[in-house]
Amino acid sequence: MRPDYKRIYLDILQKKYPEKLDECKPIVLNNNLSSIDINKLNEIIFGKKTENQKFKSYKRSDILKILDYQKKHKLNNIQLAKHFKMSRNTITKYKKIYK
């Protein structure tokens, strides 16, 4: 069972950061928040990206979004890894598994 990220982030935005509510509303109002969306919300609300991705896990749908992002923006594995702060070996592993 996953936490209800939609409710958590709406509460944070309404109580602590009401000035950022308009900027985050399109992301929060999605029915299914992906790991990528959650990282984006953290960056907008708290102003910093997570440095350590060592313990980060992605669902299959998130991995497919990452690989689609690579195709759409015509990035190689190194560029994609830097963008998402992942290992290039992880990107290669995802490509082997999901393609």
C-alpha atoms as a PDB file:
ATOM      1  CA  MET A   1       0.000   0.000   0.000  1.00  0.00           C
ATOM      2  CA  ARG A   2       1.358   3.389  -1.043  1.00  0.00           C
ATOM      3  CA  PRO A   3       0.971   6.595   0.938  1.00  0.00           C
ATOM      4  CA  ASP A   4      -1.610   9.059  -0.333  1.00  0.00           C
ATOM      5  CA  TYR A   5       0.887  11.534  -1.788  1.00  0.00           C
ATOM      6  CA  LYS A   6      -1.875  13.674  -3.255  1.00  0.00           C
ATOM      7  CA  ARG A   7      -3.331  14.416   0.176  1.00  0.00           C
ATOM      8  CA  ILE A   8       0.091  14.812   1.794  1.00  0.00           C
ATOM      9  CA  TYR A   9       1.306  17.370  -0.727  1.00  0.00           C
ATOM     10  CA  LEU A  10      -1.993  19.266  -0.785  1.00  0.00           C
ATOM     11  CA  ASP A  11      -1.823  19.601   3.005  1.00  0.00           C
ATOM     12  CA  ILE A  12       1.802  20.779   2.864  1.00  0.00           C
ATOM     13  CA  LEU A  13       0.975  23.314   0.174  1.00  0.00           C
ATOM     14  CA  GLN A  14      -2.148  24.633   1.874  1.00  0.00           C
ATOM     15  CA  LYS A  15      -0.653  24.929   5.361  1.00  0.00           C
ATOM     16  CA  LYS A  16       2.998  25.840   4.831  1.00  0.00           C
ATOM     17  CA  TYR A  17       3.481  27.023   1.250  1.00  0.00           C
ATOM     18  CA  PRO A  18       0.208  28.539  -0.047  1.00  0.00           C
ATOM     19  CA  GLU A  19       2.173  30.790  -2.428  1.00  0.00           C
ATOM     20  CA  LYS A  20       3.426  27.724  -4.337  1.00  0.00           C
ATOM     21  CA  LEU A  21      -0.003  26.114  -4.659  1.00  0.00           C
ATOM     22  CA  ASP A  22      -0.717  27.550  -8.135  1.00  0.00           C
ATOM     23  CA  GLU A  23       2.593  26.288  -9.491  1.00  0.00           C
ATOM     24  CA  CYS A  24       2.137  22.772  -8.086  1.00  0.00           C
ATOM     25  CA  LYS A  25      -1.589  22.333  -8.636  1.00  0.00           C
ATOM     26  CA  PRO A  26      -1.371  20.732 -12.123  1.00  0.00           C
ATOM     27  CA  ILE A  27       1.019  18.075 -10.826  1.00  0.00           C
ATOM     28  CA  VAL A  28      -0.845  17.371  -7.572  1.00  0.00           C
ATOM     29  CA  LEU A  29      -4.234  17.037  -9.250  1.00  0.00           C
ATOM     30  CA  ASN A  30      -3.108  14.006 -11.282  1.00  0.00           C
ATOM     31  CA  ASN A  31      -4.803  10.857 -10.068  1.00  0.00           C
ATOM     32  CA  ASN A  32      -1.624   8.772 -10.170  1.00  0.00           C
ATOM     33  CA  LEU A  33       1.469  10.548  -8.946  1.00  0.00           C
ATOM     34  CA  SER A  34       4.622   8.894 -10.238  1.00  0.00           C
ATOM     35  CA  SER A  35       8.019   8.986  -8.559  1.00  0.00           C
ATOM     36  CA  ILE A  36       9.091  11.564 -11.118  1.00  0.00           C
ATOM     37  CA  ASP A  37       6.144  13.790 -10.192  1.00  0.00           C
ATOM     38  CA  ILE A  38       6.976  13.453  -6.504  1.00  0.00           C
ATOM     39  CA  ASN A  39      10.599  14.456  -7.139  1.00  0.00           C
ATOM     40  CA  LYS A  40       9.404  17.435  -9.172  1.00  0.00           C
ATOM     41  CA  LEU A  41       7.057  18.516  -6.353  1.00  0.00           C
ATOM     42  CA  ASN A  42       9.859  18.238  -3.801  1.00  0.00           C
ATOM     43  CA  GLU A  43      12.069  20.393  -5.984  1.00  0.00           C
ATOM     44  CA  ILE A  44       9.388  23.074  -6.428  1.00  0.00           C
ATOM     45  CA  ILE A  45       8.245  23.142  -2.793  1.00  0.00           C
ATOM     46  CA  PHE A  46      11.504  22.717  -0.920  1.00  0.00           C
ATOM     47  CA  GLY A  47      13.826  24.187  -3.533  1.00  0.00           C
ATOM     48  CA  LYS A  48      16.429  21.455  -3.731  1.00  0.00           C
ATOM     49  CA  LYS A  49      16.941  18.256  -5.630  1.00  0.00           C
ATOM     50  CA  THR A  50      17.740  15.049  -3.877  1.00  0.00           C
ATOM     51  CA  GLU A  51      21.453  14.456  -4.066  1.00  0.00           C
ATOM     52  CA  ASN A  52      21.569  10.755  -3.317  1.00  0.00           C
ATOM     53  CA  GLN A  53      19.544   8.466  -5.563  1.00  0.00           C
ATOM     54  CA  LYS A  54      21.053   5.324  -4.067  1.00  0.00           C
ATOM     55  CA  PHE A  55      17.860   4.201  -2.329  1.00  0.00           C
ATOM     56  CA  LYS A  56      15.412   5.492  -4.925  1.00  0.00           C
ATOM     57  CA  SER A  57      13.106   2.975  -6.525  1.00  0.00           C
ATOM     58  CA  TYR A  58      10.936   3.383  -9.597  1.00  0.00           C
ATOM     59  CA  LYS A  59       7.844   1.523 -10.732  1.00  0.00           C
ATOM     60  CA  ARG A  60       7.672   0.078 -14.210  1.00  0.00           C
ATOM     61  CA  SER A  61       5.533   2.995 -15.436  1.00  0.00           C
ATOM     62  CA  ASP A  62       8.119   5.479 -14.132  1.00  0.00           C
ATOM     63  CA  ILE A  63      10.945   3.654 -15.874  1.00  0.00           C
ATOM     64  CA  LEU A  64       9.022   3.659 -19.143  1.00  0.00           C
ATOM     65  CA  LYS A  65       8.449   7.424 -18.778  1.00  0.00           C
ATOM     66  CA  ILE A  66      12.182   7.906 -18.275  1.00  0.00           C
ATOM     67  CA  LEU A  67      12.980   5.859 -21.383  1.00  0.00           C
ATOM     68  CA  ASP A  68      10.335   7.763 -23.383  1.00  0.00           C
ATOM     69  CA  TYR A  69      11.903  11.011 -22.199  1.00  0.00           C
ATOM     70  CA  GLN A  70      15.199   9.790 -23.616  1.00  0.00           C
ATOM     71  CA  LYS A  71      13.643   9.088 -27.020  1.00  0.00           C
ATOM     72  CA  LYS A  72      11.688  12.343 -27.102  1.00  0.00           C
ATOM     73  CA  HIS A  73      14.690  14.518 -26.282  1.00  0.00           C
ATOM     74  CA  LYS A  74      17.215  12.372 -28.186  1.00  0.00           C
ATOM     75  CA  LEU A  75      19.549  11.886 -25.228  1.00  0.00           C
ATOM     76  CA  ASN A  76      22.226   9.270 -24.810  1.00  0.00           C
ATOM     77  CA  ASN A  77      22.496   7.219 -21.619  1.00  0.00           C
ATOM     78  CA  ILE A  78      25.012   9.552 -19.996  1.00  0.00           C
ATOM     79  CA  GLN A  79      22.866  12.658 -20.583  1.00  0.00           C
ATOM     80  CA  LEU A  80      19.745  10.888 -19.339  1.00  0.00           C
ATOM     81  CA  ALA A  81      21.555   9.627 -16.250  1.00  0.00           C
ATOM     82  CA  LYS A  82      22.717  13.156 -15.403  1.00  0.00           C
ATOM     83  CA  HIS A  83      19.236  14.583 -15.916  1.00  0.00           C
ATOM     84  CA  PHE A  84      17.579  12.101 -13.557  1.00  0.00           C
ATOM     85  CA  LYS A  85      20.628  11.778 -11.259  1.00  0.00           C
ATOM     86  CA  MET A  86      20.985   8.076 -11.874  1.00  0.00           C
ATOM     87  CA  SER A  87      23.788   5.773 -12.854  1.00  0.00           C
ATOM     88  CA  ARG A  88      24.315   5.196 -16.561  1.00  0.00           C
ATOM     89  CA  ASN A  89      24.568   1.501 -15.754  1.00  0.00           C
ATOM     90  CA  THR A  90      21.080   1.677 -14.266  1.00  0.00           C
ATOM     91  CA  ILE A  91      19.785   3.246 -17.485  1.00  0.00           C
ATOM     92  CA  THR A  92      21.393   0.450 -19.492  1.00  0.00           C
ATOM     93  CA  LYS A  93      19.856  -2.142 -17.190  1.00  0.00           C
ATOM     94  CA  TYR A  94      16.402  -0.580 -17.582  1.00  0.00           C
ATOM     95  CA  LYS A  95      16.783  -0.575 -21.363  1.00  0.00           C
ATOM     96  CA  LYS A  96      17.678  -4.272 -21.402  1.00  0.00           C
ATOM     97  CA  ILE A  97      14.764  -5.212 -19.174  1.00  0.00           C
ATOM     98  CA  TYR A  98      12.018  -3.064 -20.666  1.00  0.00           C
ATOM     99  CA  LYS A  99      12.831  -3.028 -24.379  1.00  0.00           C
END
